[in-house]
Amino acid sequence: MNSKIHASRVRVVGDNVKVDVYPIEQALKMAKEQSLDLVEISPTADPPVCKIIDYSKFKYEQKKKQKEIKAKAQKTVVKEIRFGPNTEEHDFNFKLNHAQKFLKEGAKVKAYVHFVGRTIVFKERGEILLLKFAQALEEYGKVEQLPKLEGKRMTMFIAAKAGKK
C-alpha cells in the first residue's frame, strides 16, 4: 500500500476516480487528496491494479467477512470411546450410554478397541464388540467406517443421524 508499491505505472480504480493508468506519483497524490490509501489489489496484472480506499476500514471489513465464514462453518466434534478386547457387559453398557449422549448432541463417535501386549490374538473379539456396539447405536447414528485394524487399534466411526439432535 501507498509508498510500498514498486511499479512505476498503475491502473487506478475506486470511488470518485476515473479508471485509467497513471504514474505512481499521480496515483499517490490522488489518494492523498481524498485522505485515503492507495492499495495494490492485483500485483500480477500488467500494469498492477491499485484501489483508492480507506485501508483500515478495508482490513476491518475483511476480518468481519472471515469471522462470518468461520461462524457459518459447521464444526464436527469427534468423541472417542475406548474398549479393551475383554470388556465386561457393565462397562460396555456404561460406554454405550455415553455414546448415545454424544450422538444425540450431534457429535461423531470414534469407538476403538486397544489391544495391549498379547491381546492382539483376540482380534475377532474386538471386531464382535465393535459390531455389537454399532448395532446397539443403530437408532442414534449410522456407521461411517466399519471396524478396521490399524496397528494395535481396531477403529470404527459412527456419525449422528441427521434428525436425532
N, C-alpha and C. Protein backbone atom coordinates (compact mmCIF):
# COMPACT_ATOMS: atom_id res chain seq x y z
N MET A 1 0.82 -1.18 0.00
CA MET A 1 0.00 0.00 0.00
C MET A 1 0.87 1.25 0.00
N ASN A 2 0.32 2.33 -0.46
CA ASN A 2 0.98 3.64 -0.56
C ASN A 2 2.41 3.57 -1.08
N SER A 3 3.40 3.99 -0.29
CA SER A 3 4.78 4.08 -0.77
C SER A 3 5.46 2.73 -0.96
N LYS A 4 4.84 1.66 -0.52
CA LYS A 4 5.43 0.32 -0.67
C LYS A 4 5.16 -0.28 -2.05
N ILE A 5 4.40 0.41 -2.89
CA ILE A 5 4.12 -0.08 -4.25
C ILE A 5 5.32 0.27 -5.12
N HIS A 6 5.89 -0.73 -5.81
CA HIS A 6 7.14 -0.53 -6.55
C HIS A 6 6.95 -0.25 -8.04
N ALA A 7 5.77 -0.47 -8.58
CA ALA A 7 5.55 -0.28 -10.01
C ALA A 7 5.61 1.21 -10.35
N SER A 8 6.06 1.52 -11.58
CA SER A 8 6.15 2.93 -11.98
C SER A 8 4.80 3.45 -12.48
N ARG A 9 4.00 2.55 -13.09
CA ARG A 9 2.67 2.94 -13.57
C ARG A 9 1.66 1.93 -13.02
N VAL A 10 0.48 2.42 -12.63
CA VAL A 10 -0.55 1.54 -12.07
C VAL A 10 -1.91 1.91 -12.63
N ARG A 11 -2.78 0.89 -12.70
CA ARG A 11 -4.17 1.13 -13.09
C ARG A 11 -4.92 1.44 -11.80
N VAL A 12 -5.59 2.58 -11.74
CA VAL A 12 -6.25 3.01 -10.52
C VAL A 12 -7.76 2.83 -10.66
N VAL A 13 -8.37 2.22 -9.63
CA VAL A 13 -9.82 2.05 -9.57
C VAL A 13 -10.28 2.55 -8.20
N GLY A 14 -11.58 2.74 -8.07
CA GLY A 14 -12.13 3.18 -6.78
C GLY A 14 -13.27 4.15 -6.99
N ASP A 15 -13.86 4.59 -5.89
CA ASP A 15 -14.94 5.56 -5.95
C ASP A 15 -14.38 6.94 -6.26
N ASN A 16 -15.11 7.74 -7.01
CA ASN A 16 -14.73 9.12 -7.38
C ASN A 16 -13.39 9.17 -8.12
N VAL A 17 -13.10 8.13 -8.89
CA VAL A 17 -11.83 8.08 -9.63
C VAL A 17 -12.12 7.63 -11.06
N LYS A 18 -11.46 8.31 -12.03
CA LYS A 18 -11.57 7.87 -13.42
C LYS A 18 -10.60 6.70 -13.59
N VAL A 19 -11.16 5.53 -13.95
CA VAL A 19 -10.34 4.34 -14.10
C VAL A 19 -9.41 4.51 -15.29
N ASP A 20 -8.10 4.50 -15.00
CA ASP A 20 -7.11 4.68 -16.05
C ASP A 20 -5.74 4.29 -15.50
N VAL A 21 -4.73 4.30 -16.38
CA VAL A 21 -3.36 4.01 -15.97
C VAL A 21 -2.67 5.33 -15.66
N TYR A 22 -2.10 5.44 -14.46
CA TYR A 22 -1.44 6.67 -14.01
C TYR A 22 -0.02 6.36 -13.54
N PRO A 23 0.87 7.36 -13.58
CA PRO A 23 2.17 7.18 -12.94
C PRO A 23 1.94 7.05 -11.42
N ILE A 24 2.80 6.34 -10.73
CA ILE A 24 2.61 6.05 -9.31
C ILE A 24 2.51 7.33 -8.48
N GLU A 25 3.29 8.36 -8.84
CA GLU A 25 3.27 9.63 -8.09
C GLU A 25 1.88 10.26 -8.16
N GLN A 26 1.30 10.27 -9.36
CA GLN A 26 -0.02 10.89 -9.54
C GLN A 26 -1.10 10.08 -8.79
N ALA A 27 -0.98 8.75 -8.82
CA ALA A 27 -1.94 7.89 -8.13
C ALA A 27 -1.88 8.13 -6.62
N LEU A 28 -0.65 8.25 -6.08
CA LEU A 28 -0.50 8.53 -4.65
C LEU A 28 -1.07 9.90 -4.29
N LYS A 29 -0.87 10.87 -5.18
CA LYS A 29 -1.39 12.24 -4.97
C LYS A 29 -2.92 12.22 -4.95
N MET A 30 -3.51 11.45 -5.88
CA MET A 30 -4.97 11.35 -5.94
C MET A 30 -5.53 10.75 -4.65
N ALA A 31 -4.84 9.74 -4.12
CA ALA A 31 -5.28 9.10 -2.89
C ALA A 31 -5.16 10.06 -1.71
N LYS A 32 -4.05 10.81 -1.68
CA LYS A 32 -3.81 11.74 -0.59
C LYS A 32 -4.86 12.86 -0.58
N GLU A 33 -5.25 13.32 -1.78
CA GLU A 33 -6.27 14.38 -1.90
C GLU A 33 -7.60 13.95 -1.28
N GLN A 34 -7.90 12.65 -1.35
CA GLN A 34 -9.16 12.13 -0.80
C GLN A 34 -8.98 11.63 0.64
N SER A 35 -7.79 11.82 1.21
CA SER A 35 -7.44 11.35 2.56
C SER A 35 -7.66 9.83 2.68
N LEU A 36 -7.29 9.12 1.62
CA LEU A 36 -7.41 7.66 1.59
C LEU A 36 -6.07 7.04 1.26
N ASP A 37 -6.04 5.71 1.16
CA ASP A 37 -4.81 4.99 0.86
C ASP A 37 -4.88 4.38 -0.54
N LEU A 38 -3.71 4.22 -1.15
CA LEU A 38 -3.60 3.52 -2.43
C LEU A 38 -3.17 2.09 -2.10
N VAL A 39 -4.05 1.12 -2.38
CA VAL A 39 -3.78 -0.27 -2.02
C VAL A 39 -3.68 -1.11 -3.29
N GLU A 40 -2.60 -1.89 -3.37
CA GLU A 40 -2.38 -2.76 -4.53
C GLU A 40 -3.31 -3.97 -4.42
N ILE A 41 -4.22 -4.09 -5.37
CA ILE A 41 -5.21 -5.18 -5.35
C ILE A 41 -4.71 -6.38 -6.14
N SER A 42 -4.20 -6.14 -7.32
CA SER A 42 -3.72 -7.22 -8.18
C SER A 42 -2.30 -6.92 -8.64
N PRO A 43 -1.29 -7.38 -7.88
CA PRO A 43 0.10 -7.05 -8.23
C PRO A 43 0.61 -7.77 -9.48
N THR A 44 -0.03 -8.86 -9.88
CA THR A 44 0.48 -9.62 -11.03
C THR A 44 -0.05 -9.10 -12.37
N ALA A 45 -1.05 -8.23 -12.32
CA ALA A 45 -1.61 -7.69 -13.57
C ALA A 45 -0.59 -6.76 -14.22
N ASP A 46 -0.81 -6.46 -15.49
CA ASP A 46 0.10 -5.57 -16.22
C ASP A 46 -0.69 -4.41 -16.79
N PRO A 47 -0.62 -3.22 -16.28
CA PRO A 47 0.09 -2.78 -15.07
C PRO A 47 -0.67 -3.21 -13.82
N PRO A 48 0.00 -3.20 -12.66
CA PRO A 48 -0.65 -3.61 -11.41
C PRO A 48 -1.90 -2.76 -11.13
N VAL A 49 -2.93 -3.39 -10.54
CA VAL A 49 -4.17 -2.68 -10.25
C VAL A 49 -4.15 -2.21 -8.80
N CYS A 50 -4.44 -0.92 -8.60
CA CYS A 50 -4.49 -0.35 -7.27
C CYS A 50 -5.85 0.30 -7.05
N LYS A 51 -6.28 0.32 -5.80
CA LYS A 51 -7.59 0.87 -5.48
C LYS A 51 -7.41 1.94 -4.41
N ILE A 52 -8.16 3.02 -4.56
CA ILE A 52 -8.11 4.09 -3.57
C ILE A 52 -9.22 3.83 -2.56
N ILE A 53 -8.80 3.43 -1.35
CA ILE A 53 -9.76 3.10 -0.28
C ILE A 53 -9.17 3.46 1.08
N ASP A 54 -10.01 3.42 2.11
CA ASP A 54 -9.56 3.58 3.49
C ASP A 54 -9.05 2.21 3.92
N TYR A 55 -7.73 2.05 4.07
CA TYR A 55 -7.13 0.74 4.31
C TYR A 55 -7.58 0.11 5.62
N SER A 56 -7.66 0.89 6.69
CA SER A 56 -8.07 0.32 7.98
C SER A 56 -9.51 -0.18 7.91
N LYS A 57 -10.37 0.54 7.20
CA LYS A 57 -11.76 0.11 7.05
C LYS A 57 -11.81 -1.18 6.20
N PHE A 58 -10.96 -1.23 5.16
CA PHE A 58 -10.87 -2.39 4.28
C PHE A 58 -10.45 -3.63 5.08
N LYS A 59 -9.44 -3.49 5.93
CA LYS A 59 -8.97 -4.60 6.76
C LYS A 59 -10.05 -5.04 7.73
N TYR A 60 -10.76 -4.08 8.32
CA TYR A 60 -11.84 -4.38 9.26
C TYR A 60 -12.93 -5.19 8.56
N GLU A 61 -13.32 -4.77 7.36
CA GLU A 61 -14.36 -5.47 6.59
C GLU A 61 -13.92 -6.91 6.28
N GLN A 62 -12.65 -7.08 5.90
CA GLN A 62 -12.14 -8.41 5.59
C GLN A 62 -12.17 -9.32 6.82
N LYS A 63 -11.77 -8.79 7.97
CA LYS A 63 -11.81 -9.57 9.21
C LYS A 63 -13.23 -9.98 9.54
N LYS A 64 -14.15 -9.05 9.34
CA LYS A 64 -15.56 -9.30 9.62
C LYS A 64 -16.08 -10.43 8.73
N LYS A 65 -15.73 -10.39 7.44
CA LYS A 65 -16.16 -11.44 6.50
C LYS A 65 -15.59 -12.80 6.91
N GLN A 66 -14.30 -12.82 7.29
CA GLN A 66 -13.66 -14.07 7.71
C GLN A 66 -14.35 -14.65 8.94
N LYS A 67 -14.71 -13.77 9.88
CA LYS A 67 -15.39 -14.20 11.09
C LYS A 67 -16.75 -14.82 10.77
N GLU A 68 -17.48 -14.19 9.84
CA GLU A 68 -18.79 -14.71 9.42
C GLU A 68 -18.64 -16.09 8.79
N ILE A 69 -17.66 -16.24 7.92
CA ILE A 69 -17.43 -17.52 7.24
C ILE A 69 -17.11 -18.58 8.29
N LYS A 70 -16.27 -18.23 9.26
CA LYS A 70 -15.89 -19.17 10.31
C LYS A 70 -17.09 -19.57 11.16
N ALA A 71 -17.96 -18.60 11.46
CA ALA A 71 -19.13 -18.88 12.28
C ALA A 71 -20.12 -19.79 11.56
N LYS A 72 -20.22 -19.64 10.24
CA LYS A 72 -21.14 -20.46 9.46
C LYS A 72 -20.63 -21.87 9.24
N ALA A 73 -19.30 -22.04 9.31
CA ALA A 73 -18.73 -23.37 9.10
C ALA A 73 -19.17 -24.30 10.22
N GLN A 74 -19.63 -25.47 9.86
CA GLN A 74 -20.12 -26.40 10.86
C GLN A 74 -18.95 -27.16 11.46
N LYS A 75 -18.90 -27.14 12.77
CA LYS A 75 -17.81 -27.84 13.46
C LYS A 75 -18.29 -29.24 13.84
N THR A 76 -17.49 -30.24 13.48
CA THR A 76 -17.85 -31.60 13.88
C THR A 76 -16.93 -32.02 15.02
N VAL A 77 -17.54 -32.46 16.07
CA VAL A 77 -16.80 -32.90 17.25
C VAL A 77 -16.70 -34.41 17.19
N VAL A 78 -15.50 -34.94 17.43
CA VAL A 78 -15.32 -36.39 17.45
C VAL A 78 -15.01 -36.80 18.89
N LYS A 79 -15.87 -37.63 19.44
CA LYS A 79 -15.68 -38.14 20.79
C LYS A 79 -15.16 -39.57 20.69
N GLU A 80 -14.17 -39.90 21.53
CA GLU A 80 -13.58 -41.23 21.48
C GLU A 80 -14.08 -42.09 22.63
N ILE A 81 -14.32 -43.34 22.32
CA ILE A 81 -14.68 -44.32 23.35
C ILE A 81 -13.75 -45.51 23.18
N ARG A 82 -13.08 -45.86 24.28
CA ARG A 82 -12.05 -46.91 24.22
C ARG A 82 -12.54 -48.18 24.91
N PHE A 83 -12.29 -49.28 24.25
CA PHE A 83 -12.61 -50.60 24.80
C PHE A 83 -11.34 -51.43 24.85
N GLY A 84 -11.38 -52.46 25.67
CA GLY A 84 -10.36 -53.49 25.65
C GLY A 84 -11.01 -54.71 25.01
N PRO A 85 -10.25 -55.67 24.53
CA PRO A 85 -10.87 -56.84 23.89
C PRO A 85 -11.70 -57.68 24.86
N ASN A 86 -11.48 -57.53 26.17
CA ASN A 86 -12.21 -58.31 27.17
C ASN A 86 -13.14 -57.43 28.01
N THR A 87 -13.74 -56.41 27.39
CA THR A 87 -14.62 -55.50 28.11
C THR A 87 -15.86 -56.24 28.61
N GLU A 88 -16.17 -56.06 29.88
CA GLU A 88 -17.33 -56.72 30.50
C GLU A 88 -18.63 -56.01 30.12
N GLU A 89 -19.75 -56.67 30.36
CA GLU A 89 -21.07 -56.19 29.97
C GLU A 89 -21.41 -54.84 30.62
N HIS A 90 -21.11 -54.70 31.92
CA HIS A 90 -21.43 -53.46 32.62
C HIS A 90 -20.68 -52.28 32.01
N ASP A 91 -19.38 -52.44 31.78
CA ASP A 91 -18.56 -51.38 31.17
C ASP A 91 -19.07 -51.05 29.78
N PHE A 92 -19.42 -52.10 29.04
CA PHE A 92 -19.94 -51.92 27.68
C PHE A 92 -21.19 -51.04 27.72
N ASN A 93 -22.14 -51.34 28.62
CA ASN A 93 -23.38 -50.58 28.72
C ASN A 93 -23.13 -49.14 29.17
N PHE A 94 -22.18 -48.96 30.07
CA PHE A 94 -21.81 -47.63 30.56
C PHE A 94 -21.30 -46.77 29.39
N LYS A 95 -20.42 -47.35 28.59
CA LYS A 95 -19.85 -46.63 27.44
C LYS A 95 -20.90 -46.43 26.34
N LEU A 96 -21.82 -47.35 26.23
CA LEU A 96 -22.91 -47.25 25.27
C LEU A 96 -23.79 -46.04 25.59
N ASN A 97 -24.08 -45.84 26.88
CA ASN A 97 -24.88 -44.68 27.29
C ASN A 97 -24.18 -43.37 26.96
N HIS A 98 -22.87 -43.33 27.16
CA HIS A 98 -22.10 -42.14 26.80
C HIS A 98 -22.18 -41.88 25.30
N ALA A 99 -22.02 -42.92 24.51
CA ALA A 99 -22.06 -42.79 23.05
C ALA A 99 -23.43 -42.29 22.61
N GLN A 100 -24.49 -42.79 23.22
CA GLN A 100 -25.84 -42.33 22.88
C GLN A 100 -25.96 -40.83 23.15
N LYS A 101 -25.44 -40.39 24.27
CA LYS A 101 -25.50 -38.97 24.63
C LYS A 101 -24.71 -38.13 23.60
N PHE A 102 -23.53 -38.61 23.23
CA PHE A 102 -22.71 -37.89 22.26
C PHE A 102 -23.43 -37.77 20.91
N LEU A 103 -24.03 -38.87 20.48
CA LEU A 103 -24.72 -38.87 19.18
C LEU A 103 -25.96 -37.98 19.22
N LYS A 104 -26.65 -37.93 20.35
CA LYS A 104 -27.81 -37.04 20.49
C LYS A 104 -27.39 -35.59 20.38
N GLU A 105 -26.17 -35.28 20.85
CA GLU A 105 -25.64 -33.91 20.78
C GLU A 105 -25.14 -33.58 19.37
N GLY A 106 -25.08 -34.58 18.48
CA GLY A 106 -24.65 -34.34 17.11
C GLY A 106 -23.18 -34.60 16.85
N ALA A 107 -22.46 -35.13 17.83
CA ALA A 107 -21.04 -35.41 17.65
C ALA A 107 -20.85 -36.76 16.96
N LYS A 108 -19.66 -36.95 16.38
CA LYS A 108 -19.30 -38.26 15.83
C LYS A 108 -18.66 -39.06 16.96
N VAL A 109 -18.77 -40.36 16.87
CA VAL A 109 -18.15 -41.22 17.88
C VAL A 109 -17.11 -42.10 17.20
N LYS A 110 -15.91 -42.07 17.78
CA LYS A 110 -14.83 -42.96 17.31
C LYS A 110 -14.66 -44.01 18.39
N ALA A 111 -15.15 -45.20 18.12
CA ALA A 111 -15.03 -46.30 19.08
C ALA A 111 -13.84 -47.15 18.66
N TYR A 112 -13.00 -47.48 19.63
CA TYR A 112 -11.87 -48.33 19.27
C TYR A 112 -11.55 -49.33 20.37
N VAL A 113 -11.03 -50.45 19.92
CA VAL A 113 -10.56 -51.49 20.84
C VAL A 113 -9.04 -51.42 20.79
N HIS A 114 -8.43 -51.23 21.96
CA HIS A 114 -6.97 -51.13 22.04
C HIS A 114 -6.42 -52.48 22.53
N PHE A 115 -5.60 -53.07 21.71
CA PHE A 115 -5.00 -54.36 22.05
C PHE A 115 -3.65 -54.12 22.70
N VAL A 116 -3.50 -54.57 23.94
CA VAL A 116 -2.25 -54.38 24.67
C VAL A 116 -1.52 -55.71 24.74
N GLY A 117 -0.26 -55.69 24.42
CA GLY A 117 0.57 -56.90 24.52
C GLY A 117 0.04 -58.03 23.65
N ARG A 118 -0.20 -59.19 24.27
CA ARG A 118 -0.59 -60.38 23.52
C ARG A 118 -2.08 -60.45 23.24
N THR A 119 -2.86 -59.47 23.70
CA THR A 119 -4.31 -59.49 23.46
C THR A 119 -4.63 -59.35 21.97
N ILE A 120 -3.63 -59.06 21.16
CA ILE A 120 -3.83 -58.92 19.71
C ILE A 120 -4.36 -60.23 19.11
N VAL A 121 -4.16 -61.35 19.80
CA VAL A 121 -4.67 -62.64 19.31
C VAL A 121 -6.19 -62.70 19.38
N PHE A 122 -6.83 -61.73 20.09
CA PHE A 122 -8.29 -61.71 20.19
C PHE A 122 -8.91 -60.68 19.24
N LYS A 123 -8.36 -60.61 18.03
CA LYS A 123 -8.86 -59.64 17.04
C LYS A 123 -10.35 -59.80 16.79
N GLU A 124 -10.80 -61.06 16.68
CA GLU A 124 -12.22 -61.28 16.37
C GLU A 124 -13.11 -60.84 17.53
N ARG A 125 -12.64 -60.95 18.76
CA ARG A 125 -13.41 -60.46 19.92
C ARG A 125 -13.62 -58.94 19.81
N GLY A 126 -12.55 -58.26 19.43
CA GLY A 126 -12.62 -56.81 19.27
C GLY A 126 -13.61 -56.42 18.19
N GLU A 127 -13.56 -57.13 17.07
CA GLU A 127 -14.48 -56.83 15.97
C GLU A 127 -15.92 -57.11 16.37
N ILE A 128 -16.17 -58.21 17.05
CA ILE A 128 -17.51 -58.56 17.52
C ILE A 128 -18.03 -57.48 18.48
N LEU A 129 -17.15 -57.03 19.37
CA LEU A 129 -17.50 -56.00 20.34
C LEU A 129 -17.93 -54.71 19.63
N LEU A 130 -17.14 -54.28 18.64
CA LEU A 130 -17.46 -53.04 17.91
C LEU A 130 -18.74 -53.17 17.10
N LEU A 131 -18.95 -54.33 16.48
CA LEU A 131 -20.18 -54.53 15.70
C LEU A 131 -21.40 -54.55 16.62
N LYS A 132 -21.25 -55.14 17.80
CA LYS A 132 -22.34 -55.15 18.79
C LYS A 132 -22.64 -53.72 19.24
N PHE A 133 -21.60 -52.93 19.41
CA PHE A 133 -21.71 -51.52 19.79
C PHE A 133 -22.47 -50.73 18.72
N ALA A 134 -22.10 -50.97 17.45
CA ALA A 134 -22.76 -50.28 16.33
C ALA A 134 -24.23 -50.66 16.25
N GLN A 135 -24.51 -51.93 16.47
CA GLN A 135 -25.89 -52.41 16.40
C GLN A 135 -26.73 -51.79 17.51
N ALA A 136 -26.16 -51.63 18.70
CA ALA A 136 -26.87 -51.02 19.82
C ALA A 136 -27.14 -49.54 19.59
N LEU A 137 -26.31 -48.89 18.76
CA LEU A 137 -26.46 -47.45 18.49
C LEU A 137 -27.19 -47.17 17.18
N GLU A 138 -27.78 -48.20 16.58
CA GLU A 138 -28.40 -48.08 15.27
C GLU A 138 -29.43 -46.96 15.17
N GLU A 139 -30.23 -46.75 16.21
CA GLU A 139 -31.27 -45.73 16.12
C GLU A 139 -30.74 -44.32 16.35
N TYR A 140 -29.52 -44.18 16.86
CA TYR A 140 -28.95 -42.86 17.13
C TYR A 140 -27.97 -42.40 16.04
N GLY A 141 -27.32 -43.34 15.38
CA GLY A 141 -26.33 -42.97 14.39
C GLY A 141 -26.11 -44.07 13.39
N LYS A 142 -25.34 -43.74 12.35
CA LYS A 142 -25.04 -44.74 11.32
C LYS A 142 -23.53 -44.92 11.24
N VAL A 143 -23.12 -46.12 10.92
CA VAL A 143 -21.70 -46.46 10.84
C VAL A 143 -21.10 -45.79 9.60
N GLU A 144 -20.05 -44.99 9.84
CA GLU A 144 -19.35 -44.35 8.73
C GLU A 144 -18.21 -45.23 8.23
N GLN A 145 -17.56 -45.91 9.16
CA GLN A 145 -16.45 -46.78 8.80
C GLN A 145 -16.54 -48.04 9.64
N LEU A 146 -16.58 -49.16 8.99
CA LEU A 146 -16.64 -50.44 9.69
C LEU A 146 -15.33 -50.70 10.42
N PRO A 147 -15.32 -51.60 11.41
CA PRO A 147 -14.09 -51.86 12.17
C PRO A 147 -12.90 -52.17 11.27
N LYS A 148 -11.81 -51.47 11.54
CA LYS A 148 -10.61 -51.63 10.73
C LYS A 148 -9.42 -51.66 11.66
N LEU A 149 -8.56 -52.66 11.50
CA LEU A 149 -7.39 -52.81 12.36
C LEU A 149 -6.23 -51.98 11.83
N GLU A 150 -5.72 -51.08 12.70
CA GLU A 150 -4.54 -50.27 12.35
C GLU A 150 -3.55 -50.40 13.49
N GLY A 151 -2.53 -51.20 13.29
CA GLY A 151 -1.55 -51.43 14.34
C GLY A 151 -2.17 -52.19 15.49
N LYS A 152 -2.20 -51.58 16.68
CA LYS A 152 -2.77 -52.24 17.86
C LYS A 152 -4.17 -51.72 18.17
N ARG A 153 -4.78 -51.03 17.25
CA ARG A 153 -6.13 -50.49 17.46
C ARG A 153 -7.07 -50.93 16.35
N MET A 154 -8.27 -51.30 16.74
CA MET A 154 -9.33 -51.59 15.78
C MET A 154 -10.33 -50.45 15.93
N THR A 155 -10.50 -49.64 14.89
CA THR A 155 -11.29 -48.42 14.97
C THR A 155 -12.56 -48.49 14.14
N MET A 156 -13.61 -47.81 14.63
CA MET A 156 -14.87 -47.71 13.90
C MET A 156 -15.45 -46.32 14.17
N PHE A 157 -16.01 -45.68 13.13
CA PHE A 157 -16.62 -44.35 13.27
C PHE A 157 -18.13 -44.45 13.12
N ILE A 158 -18.84 -43.74 13.99
CA ILE A 158 -20.30 -43.67 13.92
C ILE A 158 -20.69 -42.20 13.90
N ALA A 159 -21.49 -41.79 12.91
CA ALA A 159 -21.94 -40.41 12.80
C ALA A 159 -23.40 -40.32 13.25
N ALA A 160 -23.74 -39.18 13.84
CA ALA A 160 -25.11 -38.98 14.32
C ALA A 160 -26.08 -38.92 13.14
N LYS A 161 -27.28 -39.45 13.34
CA LYS A 161 -28.31 -39.36 12.31
C LYS A 161 -28.79 -37.92 12.28
N ALA A 162 -29.16 -37.45 11.10
CA ALA A 162 -29.50 -36.03 10.89
C ALA A 162 -30.60 -35.52 11.82
N GLY A 163 -31.69 -36.23 11.97
CA GLY A 163 -32.81 -35.73 12.75
C GLY A 163 -32.77 -36.07 14.23
N LYS A 164 -31.65 -36.58 14.73
CA LYS A 164 -31.61 -37.08 16.11
C LYS A 164 -30.93 -36.12 17.09
N LYS A 165 -31.01 -34.83 16.88
CA LYS A 165 -30.37 -33.88 17.82
C LYS A 165 -31.26 -33.58 18.97
